[in-house]
Amino acid sequence: NNKAANDSSQLTGSGITCIINATETKRSSPLPPGVEYVHIPVSDSPLAPLRDHFSEVAEKIQVTAESGGRALVHCNAGVSRSVALCMAYLMKHRGVTLLEAHGWVRSCRPIARPNNGFWKQLVQYETELRGCSSVRMVSSSMGEIPDVYEGEDRNMVLL
């Protein structure tokens, strides 16, 4: 999340060599030496065109990894934007399905839950990469949701 991305000692201790910031605001604190910074200014809105950045971010993560570095992808809470970008990377460079990418990310970050608009964009991206998608968008009482959350809408309360 944003707090971890601004903690220089944590970044250095974790061997982070590239920060990908998926928030609307740029980092204001100085970067640790040797850390590259990429800003992807996008809002956490279902209508935000995060899809426009999937390939760019996936390539940056891959290049960083191939050079022996480590990338930190963050947004404000580490729940939606950064998660969707990491899932796109996993599909493109690790060859997993969207369903598998979701499981992988959730195993590392249980609160991960991209907004429904980002899910739609991920489904489209997987279809472009693989010719089909492992996740479907389905109608629910909460509107259109990915089928991985089907049934959960009964446990949700609208505020």
N, C-alpha and C. Protein backbone atom coordinates (compact mmCIF):
# COMPACT_ATOMS: atom_id res chain seq x y z
N ASN A 1 0.83 -1.19 0.00
CA ASN A 1 0.00 0.00 0.00
C ASN A 1 0.87 1.25 0.00
N ASN A 2 0.23 2.40 0.03
CA ASN A 2 0.94 3.67 -0.07
C ASN A 2 1.92 3.88 1.08
N LYS A 3 1.53 3.45 2.28
CA LYS A 3 2.40 3.63 3.45
C LYS A 3 3.71 2.86 3.26
N ALA A 4 3.62 1.61 2.85
CA ALA A 4 4.82 0.79 2.65
C ALA A 4 5.70 1.37 1.55
N ALA A 5 5.07 1.91 0.51
CA ALA A 5 5.82 2.47 -0.61
C ALA A 5 6.61 3.71 -0.24
N ASN A 6 6.24 4.36 0.86
CA ASN A 6 6.94 5.56 1.30
C ASN A 6 7.89 5.31 2.46
N ASP A 7 8.08 4.06 2.83
CA ASP A 7 8.98 3.70 3.92
C ASP A 7 10.32 3.26 3.33
N SER A 8 11.27 4.21 3.25
CA SER A 8 12.56 3.95 2.59
C SER A 8 13.30 2.77 3.19
N SER A 9 13.28 2.63 4.50
CA SER A 9 14.01 1.51 5.12
C SER A 9 13.37 0.17 4.76
N GLN A 10 12.05 0.14 4.68
CA GLN A 10 11.37 -1.10 4.28
C GLN A 10 11.65 -1.42 2.82
N LEU A 11 11.66 -0.41 1.97
CA LEU A 11 11.97 -0.62 0.55
C LEU A 11 13.37 -1.18 0.38
N THR A 12 14.33 -0.55 1.04
CA THR A 12 15.72 -0.99 0.95
C THR A 12 15.88 -2.40 1.52
N GLY A 13 15.27 -2.64 2.67
CA GLY A 13 15.36 -3.95 3.31
C GLY A 13 14.73 -5.06 2.50
N SER A 14 13.73 -4.72 1.69
CA SER A 14 13.06 -5.72 0.86
C SER A 14 13.69 -5.86 -0.52
N GLY A 15 14.71 -5.06 -0.79
CA GLY A 15 15.39 -5.15 -2.09
C GLY A 15 14.59 -4.59 -3.25
N ILE A 16 13.69 -3.66 -2.97
CA ILE A 16 12.87 -3.06 -4.03
C ILE A 16 13.74 -2.16 -4.90
N THR A 17 13.68 -2.39 -6.21
CA THR A 17 14.45 -1.58 -7.16
C THR A 17 13.54 -0.78 -8.10
N CYS A 18 12.24 -1.03 -8.03
CA CYS A 18 11.29 -0.30 -8.88
C CYS A 18 9.97 -0.16 -8.13
N ILE A 19 9.47 1.06 -8.06
CA ILE A 19 8.16 1.34 -7.46
C ILE A 19 7.22 1.73 -8.59
N ILE A 20 6.08 1.05 -8.65
CA ILE A 20 5.03 1.40 -9.61
C ILE A 20 3.86 1.92 -8.78
N ASN A 21 3.61 3.21 -8.89
CA ASN A 21 2.59 3.91 -8.11
C ASN A 21 1.32 4.04 -8.95
N ALA A 22 0.27 3.33 -8.56
CA ALA A 22 -1.00 3.38 -9.29
C ALA A 22 -2.02 4.22 -8.52
N THR A 23 -1.61 5.42 -8.13
CA THR A 23 -2.52 6.37 -7.49
C THR A 23 -2.55 7.63 -8.33
N GLU A 24 -3.46 8.51 -7.99
CA GLU A 24 -3.56 9.75 -8.76
C GLU A 24 -2.47 10.75 -8.42
N THR A 25 -1.86 10.61 -7.25
CA THR A 25 -0.84 11.57 -6.84
C THR A 25 0.56 10.97 -6.89
N LYS A 26 1.52 11.80 -7.27
CA LYS A 26 2.91 11.36 -7.33
C LYS A 26 3.52 11.30 -5.94
N ARG A 27 4.53 10.50 -5.83
CA ARG A 27 5.30 10.38 -4.59
C ARG A 27 5.95 11.72 -4.28
N SER A 28 5.88 12.14 -3.02
CA SER A 28 6.49 13.42 -2.64
C SER A 28 7.82 13.23 -1.92
N SER A 29 8.03 12.08 -1.30
CA SER A 29 9.28 11.85 -0.57
C SER A 29 10.36 11.37 -1.53
N PRO A 30 11.63 11.64 -1.20
CA PRO A 30 12.71 11.21 -2.09
C PRO A 30 12.81 9.68 -2.15
N LEU A 31 13.26 9.20 -3.28
CA LEU A 31 13.45 7.76 -3.47
C LEU A 31 14.77 7.31 -2.87
N PRO A 32 14.81 6.08 -2.37
CA PRO A 32 16.10 5.54 -1.95
C PRO A 32 17.01 5.41 -3.18
N PRO A 33 18.32 5.45 -3.00
CA PRO A 33 19.23 5.31 -4.14
C PRO A 33 19.00 3.99 -4.88
N GLY A 34 19.04 4.07 -6.20
CA GLY A 34 18.91 2.88 -7.03
C GLY A 34 17.49 2.39 -7.24
N VAL A 35 16.50 3.17 -6.82
CA VAL A 35 15.11 2.76 -6.99
C VAL A 35 14.48 3.57 -8.12
N GLU A 36 13.96 2.87 -9.10
CA GLU A 36 13.28 3.50 -10.23
C GLU A 36 11.82 3.74 -9.85
N TYR A 37 11.21 4.76 -10.44
CA TYR A 37 9.84 5.14 -10.08
C TYR A 37 9.00 5.29 -11.34
N VAL A 38 7.84 4.64 -11.35
CA VAL A 38 6.88 4.74 -12.45
C VAL A 38 5.55 5.18 -11.85
N HIS A 39 4.97 6.24 -12.40
CA HIS A 39 3.68 6.73 -11.91
C HIS A 39 2.60 6.42 -12.95
N ILE A 40 1.58 5.69 -12.52
CA ILE A 40 0.42 5.38 -13.36
C ILE A 40 -0.77 6.10 -12.73
N PRO A 41 -1.04 7.34 -13.17
CA PRO A 41 -2.11 8.12 -12.53
C PRO A 41 -3.50 7.64 -12.95
N VAL A 42 -4.12 6.87 -12.08
CA VAL A 42 -5.45 6.33 -12.38
C VAL A 42 -6.28 6.31 -11.09
N SER A 43 -7.56 6.61 -11.22
CA SER A 43 -8.44 6.60 -10.05
C SER A 43 -8.97 5.19 -9.81
N ASP A 44 -9.43 4.96 -8.60
CA ASP A 44 -10.01 3.66 -8.27
C ASP A 44 -11.51 3.69 -8.57
N SER A 45 -11.81 3.94 -9.81
CA SER A 45 -13.19 4.01 -10.28
C SER A 45 -13.41 2.87 -11.27
N PRO A 46 -14.57 2.23 -11.24
CA PRO A 46 -14.84 1.16 -12.21
C PRO A 46 -14.74 1.64 -13.66
N LEU A 47 -14.87 2.94 -13.87
CA LEU A 47 -14.79 3.48 -15.23
C LEU A 47 -13.38 3.90 -15.64
N ALA A 48 -12.44 3.89 -14.71
CA ALA A 48 -11.07 4.30 -15.02
C ALA A 48 -10.44 3.30 -15.99
N PRO A 49 -9.71 3.80 -16.99
CA PRO A 49 -9.11 2.93 -18.01
C PRO A 49 -7.80 2.28 -17.56
N LEU A 50 -7.86 1.46 -16.53
CA LEU A 50 -6.66 0.78 -16.04
C LEU A 50 -6.08 -0.15 -17.10
N ARG A 51 -6.95 -0.71 -17.93
CA ARG A 51 -6.55 -1.62 -19.01
C ARG A 51 -5.47 -1.01 -19.91
N ASP A 52 -5.52 0.29 -20.08
CA ASP A 52 -4.53 0.99 -20.91
C ASP A 52 -3.11 0.80 -20.38
N HIS A 53 -2.97 0.41 -19.12
CA HIS A 53 -1.66 0.29 -18.49
C HIS A 53 -1.24 -1.15 -18.22
N PHE A 54 -2.10 -2.13 -18.49
CA PHE A 54 -1.77 -3.53 -18.18
C PHE A 54 -0.46 -3.97 -18.81
N SER A 55 -0.32 -3.80 -20.11
CA SER A 55 0.88 -4.29 -20.80
C SER A 55 2.12 -3.53 -20.38
N GLU A 56 2.01 -2.21 -20.27
CA GLU A 56 3.15 -1.38 -19.86
C GLU A 56 3.67 -1.80 -18.48
N VAL A 57 2.77 -1.96 -17.53
CA VAL A 57 3.18 -2.34 -16.18
C VAL A 57 3.70 -3.77 -16.16
N ALA A 58 3.06 -4.67 -16.88
CA ALA A 58 3.52 -6.07 -16.93
C ALA A 58 4.94 -6.13 -17.48
N GLU A 59 5.22 -5.36 -18.52
CA GLU A 59 6.57 -5.34 -19.09
C GLU A 59 7.58 -4.78 -18.10
N LYS A 60 7.20 -3.73 -17.38
CA LYS A 60 8.12 -3.12 -16.41
C LYS A 60 8.44 -4.09 -15.28
N ILE A 61 7.44 -4.79 -14.78
CA ILE A 61 7.68 -5.79 -13.73
C ILE A 61 8.60 -6.88 -14.26
N GLN A 62 8.36 -7.34 -15.48
CA GLN A 62 9.17 -8.42 -16.06
C GLN A 62 10.62 -7.99 -16.26
N VAL A 63 10.83 -6.81 -16.82
CA VAL A 63 12.19 -6.30 -17.04
C VAL A 63 12.91 -6.14 -15.71
N THR A 64 12.21 -5.65 -14.71
CA THR A 64 12.81 -5.50 -13.38
C THR A 64 13.23 -6.85 -12.83
N ALA A 65 12.36 -7.85 -12.95
CA ALA A 65 12.67 -9.19 -12.45
C ALA A 65 13.84 -9.82 -13.21
N GLU A 66 13.84 -9.65 -14.53
CA GLU A 66 14.91 -10.23 -15.36
C GLU A 66 16.27 -9.62 -15.05
N SER A 67 16.27 -8.39 -14.56
CA SER A 67 17.54 -7.74 -14.22
C SER A 67 17.94 -8.00 -12.77
N GLY A 68 17.20 -8.88 -12.10
CA GLY A 68 17.53 -9.22 -10.73
C GLY A 68 16.91 -8.32 -9.68
N GLY A 69 16.03 -7.42 -10.12
CA GLY A 69 15.40 -6.49 -9.19
C GLY A 69 14.06 -6.99 -8.69
N ARG A 70 13.45 -6.16 -7.87
CA ARG A 70 12.13 -6.46 -7.32
C ARG A 70 11.26 -5.23 -7.48
N ALA A 71 10.03 -5.44 -7.95
CA ALA A 71 9.09 -4.33 -8.15
C ALA A 71 8.05 -4.33 -7.04
N LEU A 72 7.71 -3.14 -6.59
CA LEU A 72 6.59 -2.94 -5.67
C LEU A 72 5.52 -2.19 -6.44
N VAL A 73 4.35 -2.80 -6.59
CA VAL A 73 3.22 -2.16 -7.25
C VAL A 73 2.26 -1.77 -6.13
N HIS A 74 1.92 -0.49 -6.06
CA HIS A 74 1.04 -0.06 -4.97
C HIS A 74 -0.01 0.92 -5.43
N CYS A 75 -1.09 0.97 -4.65
CA CYS A 75 -2.11 2.01 -4.77
C CYS A 75 -2.33 2.51 -3.34
N ASN A 76 -3.45 3.08 -3.03
CA ASN A 76 -3.64 3.60 -1.67
C ASN A 76 -3.80 2.50 -0.63
N ALA A 77 -4.66 1.54 -0.91
CA ALA A 77 -4.95 0.50 0.08
C ALA A 77 -4.41 -0.88 -0.29
N GLY A 78 -3.94 -1.04 -1.52
CA GLY A 78 -3.44 -2.35 -1.94
C GLY A 78 -4.54 -3.36 -2.12
N VAL A 79 -5.70 -2.91 -2.61
CA VAL A 79 -6.86 -3.78 -2.74
C VAL A 79 -7.33 -3.91 -4.19
N SER A 80 -7.32 -2.83 -4.94
CA SER A 80 -7.97 -2.84 -6.25
C SER A 80 -7.01 -2.56 -7.42
N ARG A 81 -6.52 -1.34 -7.54
CA ARG A 81 -5.68 -0.99 -8.70
C ARG A 81 -4.41 -1.81 -8.77
N SER A 82 -3.64 -1.84 -7.70
CA SER A 82 -2.37 -2.57 -7.72
C SER A 82 -2.60 -4.06 -7.92
N VAL A 83 -3.67 -4.57 -7.33
CA VAL A 83 -4.00 -5.99 -7.48
C VAL A 83 -4.31 -6.31 -8.93
N ALA A 84 -5.13 -5.49 -9.58
CA ALA A 84 -5.48 -5.72 -10.98
C ALA A 84 -4.23 -5.68 -11.86
N LEU A 85 -3.32 -4.75 -11.60
CA LEU A 85 -2.09 -4.67 -12.39
C LEU A 85 -1.22 -5.91 -12.19
N CYS A 86 -1.15 -6.40 -10.97
CA CYS A 86 -0.36 -7.62 -10.71
C CYS A 86 -1.00 -8.84 -11.36
N MET A 87 -2.32 -8.91 -11.35
CA MET A 87 -3.00 -10.02 -12.01
C MET A 87 -2.75 -10.00 -13.52
N ALA A 88 -2.74 -8.81 -14.11
CA ALA A 88 -2.43 -8.69 -15.54
C ALA A 88 -1.01 -9.18 -15.82
N TYR A 89 -0.07 -8.81 -14.96
CA TYR A 89 1.32 -9.28 -15.11
C TYR A 89 1.38 -10.81 -15.05
N LEU A 90 0.72 -11.39 -14.06
CA LEU A 90 0.76 -12.85 -13.91
C LEU A 90 0.20 -13.56 -15.14
N MET A 91 -0.87 -13.01 -15.71
CA MET A 91 -1.43 -13.62 -16.92
C MET A 91 -0.46 -13.51 -18.08
N LYS A 92 0.12 -12.33 -18.26
CA LYS A 92 0.97 -12.11 -19.43
C LYS A 92 2.32 -12.81 -19.33
N HIS A 93 2.96 -12.76 -18.18
CA HIS A 93 4.34 -13.26 -18.09
C HIS A 93 4.51 -14.56 -17.32
N ARG A 94 3.53 -14.96 -16.58
CA ARG A 94 3.62 -16.24 -15.87
C ARG A 94 2.71 -17.29 -16.51
N GLY A 95 1.94 -16.86 -17.51
CA GLY A 95 1.11 -17.79 -18.27
C GLY A 95 -0.06 -18.40 -17.52
N VAL A 96 -0.51 -17.74 -16.47
CA VAL A 96 -1.63 -18.27 -15.71
C VAL A 96 -2.94 -17.67 -16.21
N THR A 97 -4.04 -18.34 -15.89
CA THR A 97 -5.35 -17.80 -16.22
C THR A 97 -5.69 -16.68 -15.24
N LEU A 98 -6.73 -15.94 -15.57
CA LEU A 98 -7.20 -14.89 -14.67
C LEU A 98 -7.65 -15.50 -13.34
N LEU A 99 -8.33 -16.62 -13.41
CA LEU A 99 -8.77 -17.30 -12.19
C LEU A 99 -7.57 -17.71 -11.33
N GLU A 100 -6.53 -18.24 -11.97
CA GLU A 100 -5.32 -18.61 -11.23
C GLU A 100 -4.60 -17.39 -10.68
N ALA A 101 -4.54 -16.32 -11.46
CA ALA A 101 -3.90 -15.08 -11.00
C ALA A 101 -4.63 -14.54 -9.77
N HIS A 102 -5.94 -14.59 -9.80
CA HIS A 102 -6.73 -14.14 -8.66
C HIS A 102 -6.40 -14.97 -7.42
N GLY A 103 -6.36 -16.28 -7.57
CA GLY A 103 -6.02 -17.15 -6.44
C GLY A 103 -4.63 -16.89 -5.91
N TRP A 104 -3.68 -16.66 -6.82
CA TRP A 104 -2.29 -16.40 -6.44
C TRP A 104 -2.20 -15.12 -5.60
N VAL A 105 -2.82 -14.06 -6.12
CA VAL A 105 -2.76 -12.78 -5.42
C VAL A 105 -3.50 -12.85 -4.08
N ARG A 106 -4.66 -13.50 -4.07
CA ARG A 106 -5.41 -13.61 -2.81
C ARG A 106 -4.66 -14.44 -1.77
N SER A 107 -3.84 -15.40 -2.23
CA SER A 107 -3.06 -16.19 -1.26
C SER A 107 -1.99 -15.33 -0.59
N CYS A 108 -1.53 -14.29 -1.29
CA CYS A 108 -0.52 -13.39 -0.73
C CYS A 108 -1.15 -12.19 -0.03
N ARG A 109 -2.31 -11.78 -0.51
CA ARG A 109 -2.98 -10.57 0.00
C ARG A 109 -4.48 -10.85 0.09
N PRO A 110 -4.93 -11.44 1.17
CA PRO A 110 -6.33 -11.87 1.28
C PRO A 110 -7.37 -10.77 1.07
N ILE A 111 -7.01 -9.51 1.30
CA ILE A 111 -7.98 -8.42 1.12
C ILE A 111 -8.07 -7.96 -0.33
N ALA A 112 -7.30 -8.57 -1.22
CA ALA A 112 -7.30 -8.18 -2.63
C ALA A 112 -8.69 -8.35 -3.22
N ARG A 113 -9.19 -7.28 -3.86
CA ARG A 113 -10.50 -7.35 -4.50
C ARG A 113 -10.65 -6.18 -5.48
N PRO A 114 -10.18 -6.36 -6.72
CA PRO A 114 -10.35 -5.29 -7.70
C PRO A 114 -11.82 -4.92 -7.86
N ASN A 115 -12.06 -3.65 -8.17
CA ASN A 115 -13.45 -3.25 -8.38
C ASN A 115 -13.99 -3.92 -9.65
N ASN A 116 -15.31 -3.93 -9.78
CA ASN A 116 -15.95 -4.68 -10.87
C ASN A 116 -15.57 -4.17 -12.25
N GLY A 117 -15.31 -2.87 -12.37
CA GLY A 117 -14.87 -2.33 -13.66
C GLY A 117 -13.50 -2.87 -14.04
N PHE A 118 -12.60 -2.98 -13.06
CA PHE A 118 -11.27 -3.54 -13.34
C PHE A 118 -11.38 -5.03 -13.67
N TRP A 119 -12.31 -5.73 -13.03
CA TRP A 119 -12.53 -7.13 -13.37
C TRP A 119 -12.95 -7.26 -14.84
N LYS A 120 -13.87 -6.41 -15.28
CA LYS A 120 -14.30 -6.46 -16.69
C LYS A 120 -13.10 -6.27 -17.61
N GLN A 121 -12.23 -5.32 -17.25
CA GLN A 121 -11.04 -5.06 -18.06
C GLN A 121 -10.08 -6.25 -18.03
N LEU A 122 -9.96 -6.91 -16.89
CA LEU A 122 -9.10 -8.09 -16.79
C LEU A 122 -9.66 -9.25 -17.62
N VAL A 123 -10.98 -9.42 -17.61
CA VAL A 123 -11.62 -10.45 -18.44
C VAL A 123 -11.31 -10.18 -19.91
N GLN A 124 -11.43 -8.93 -20.34
CA GLN A 124 -11.12 -8.56 -21.73
C GLN A 124 -9.65 -8.82 -22.04
N TYR A 125 -8.77 -8.49 -21.12
CA TYR A 125 -7.33 -8.68 -21.32
C TYR A 125 -7.00 -10.17 -21.44
N GLU A 126 -7.59 -10.98 -20.57
CA GLU A 126 -7.35 -12.43 -20.66
C GLU A 126 -7.85 -12.97 -22.00
N THR A 127 -8.98 -12.48 -22.45
CA THR A 127 -9.52 -12.93 -23.74
C THR A 127 -8.56 -12.55 -24.87
N GLU A 128 -7.97 -11.37 -24.80
CA GLU A 128 -6.98 -10.97 -25.80
C GLU A 128 -5.74 -11.86 -25.75
N LEU A 129 -5.28 -12.20 -24.54
CA LEU A 129 -4.07 -13.00 -24.38
C LEU A 129 -4.29 -14.47 -24.73
N ARG A 130 -5.45 -15.03 -24.35
CA ARG A 130 -5.67 -16.48 -24.42
C ARG A 130 -6.77 -16.91 -25.38
N GLY A 131 -7.57 -15.95 -25.87
CA GLY A 131 -8.68 -16.30 -26.76
C GLY A 131 -9.97 -16.61 -26.02
N CYS A 132 -9.92 -16.71 -24.71
CA CYS A 132 -11.11 -16.93 -23.89
C CYS A 132 -10.78 -16.48 -22.47
N SER A 133 -11.78 -16.45 -21.62
CA SER A 133 -11.53 -16.04 -20.23
C SER A 133 -11.98 -17.12 -19.26
N SER A 134 -11.24 -17.25 -18.19
CA SER A 134 -11.54 -18.23 -17.14
C SER A 134 -12.52 -17.68 -16.11
N VAL A 135 -12.86 -16.40 -16.24
CA VAL A 135 -13.79 -15.74 -15.33
C VAL A 135 -14.89 -15.09 -16.16
N ARG A 136 -16.12 -15.20 -15.70
CA ARG A 136 -17.25 -14.55 -16.37
C ARG A 136 -17.82 -13.47 -15.46
N MET A 137 -18.34 -12.43 -16.06
CA MET A 137 -19.08 -11.42 -15.31
C MET A 137 -20.53 -11.88 -15.28
N VAL A 138 -21.14 -11.90 -14.09
CA VAL A 138 -22.51 -12.39 -13.92
C VAL A 138 -23.35 -11.34 -13.20
N SER A 139 -24.65 -11.40 -13.43
CA SER A 139 -25.57 -10.48 -12.77
C SER A 139 -25.80 -10.93 -11.34
N SER A 140 -25.90 -9.95 -10.46
CA SER A 140 -26.19 -10.23 -9.05
C SER A 140 -27.00 -9.07 -8.49
N SER A 141 -27.39 -9.20 -7.24
CA SER A 141 -28.12 -8.11 -6.60
C SER A 141 -27.25 -6.86 -6.45
N MET A 142 -25.92 -7.03 -6.58
CA MET A 142 -24.98 -5.92 -6.47
C MET A 142 -24.58 -5.37 -7.84
N GLY A 143 -25.25 -5.83 -8.89
CA GLY A 143 -24.88 -5.47 -10.25
C GLY A 143 -24.03 -6.57 -10.86
N GLU A 144 -23.26 -6.22 -11.87
CA GLU A 144 -22.43 -7.21 -12.55
C GLU A 144 -21.14 -7.44 -11.75
N ILE A 145 -20.88 -8.71 -11.42
CA ILE A 145 -19.70 -9.08 -10.62
C ILE A 145 -19.00 -10.25 -11.29
N PRO A 146 -17.71 -10.47 -10.98
CA PRO A 146 -17.03 -11.65 -11.50
C PRO A 146 -17.58 -12.90 -10.81
N ASP A 147 -17.66 -14.00 -11.56
CA ASP A 147 -18.25 -15.21 -10.98
C ASP A 147 -17.47 -15.76 -9.80
N VAL A 148 -16.23 -15.33 -9.60
CA VAL A 148 -15.47 -15.78 -8.43
C VAL A 148 -16.10 -15.27 -7.13
N TYR A 149 -16.91 -14.23 -7.22
CA TYR A 149 -17.58 -13.68 -6.04
C TYR A 149 -19.06 -14.05 -6.00
N GLU A 150 -19.50 -14.88 -6.93
CA GLU A 150 -20.91 -15.27 -6.97
C GLU A 150 -21.30 -15.90 -5.64
N GLY A 151 -22.38 -15.47 -5.10
CA GLY A 151 -22.83 -15.98 -3.80
C GLY A 151 -22.42 -15.07 -2.66
N GLU A 152 -21.32 -14.36 -2.81
CA GLU A 152 -20.87 -13.45 -1.75
C GLU A 152 -21.80 -12.25 -1.60
N ASP A 153 -22.51 -11.89 -2.68
CA ASP A 153 -23.36 -10.71 -2.62
C ASP A 153 -24.46 -10.86 -1.57
N ARG A 154 -24.82 -12.09 -1.22
CA ARG A 154 -25.83 -12.30 -0.18
C ARG A 154 -25.33 -11.84 1.18
N ASN A 155 -24.01 -11.82 1.34
CA ASN A 155 -23.42 -11.44 2.63
C ASN A 155 -23.04 -9.96 2.69
N MET A 156 -23.32 -9.22 1.62
CA MET A 156 -22.90 -7.82 1.56
C MET A 156 -24.08 -6.90 1.88
N VAL A 157 -23.77 -5.76 2.42
CA VAL A 157 -24.77 -4.76 2.77
C VAL A 157 -24.43 -3.48 2.03
N LEU A 158 -25.40 -2.92 1.33
CA LEU A 158 -25.19 -1.63 0.66
C LEU A 158 -25.25 -0.52 1.70
N LEU A 159 -24.30 0.39 1.65
CA LEU A 159 -24.29 1.52 2.58
C LEU A 159 -24.76 2.77 1.89
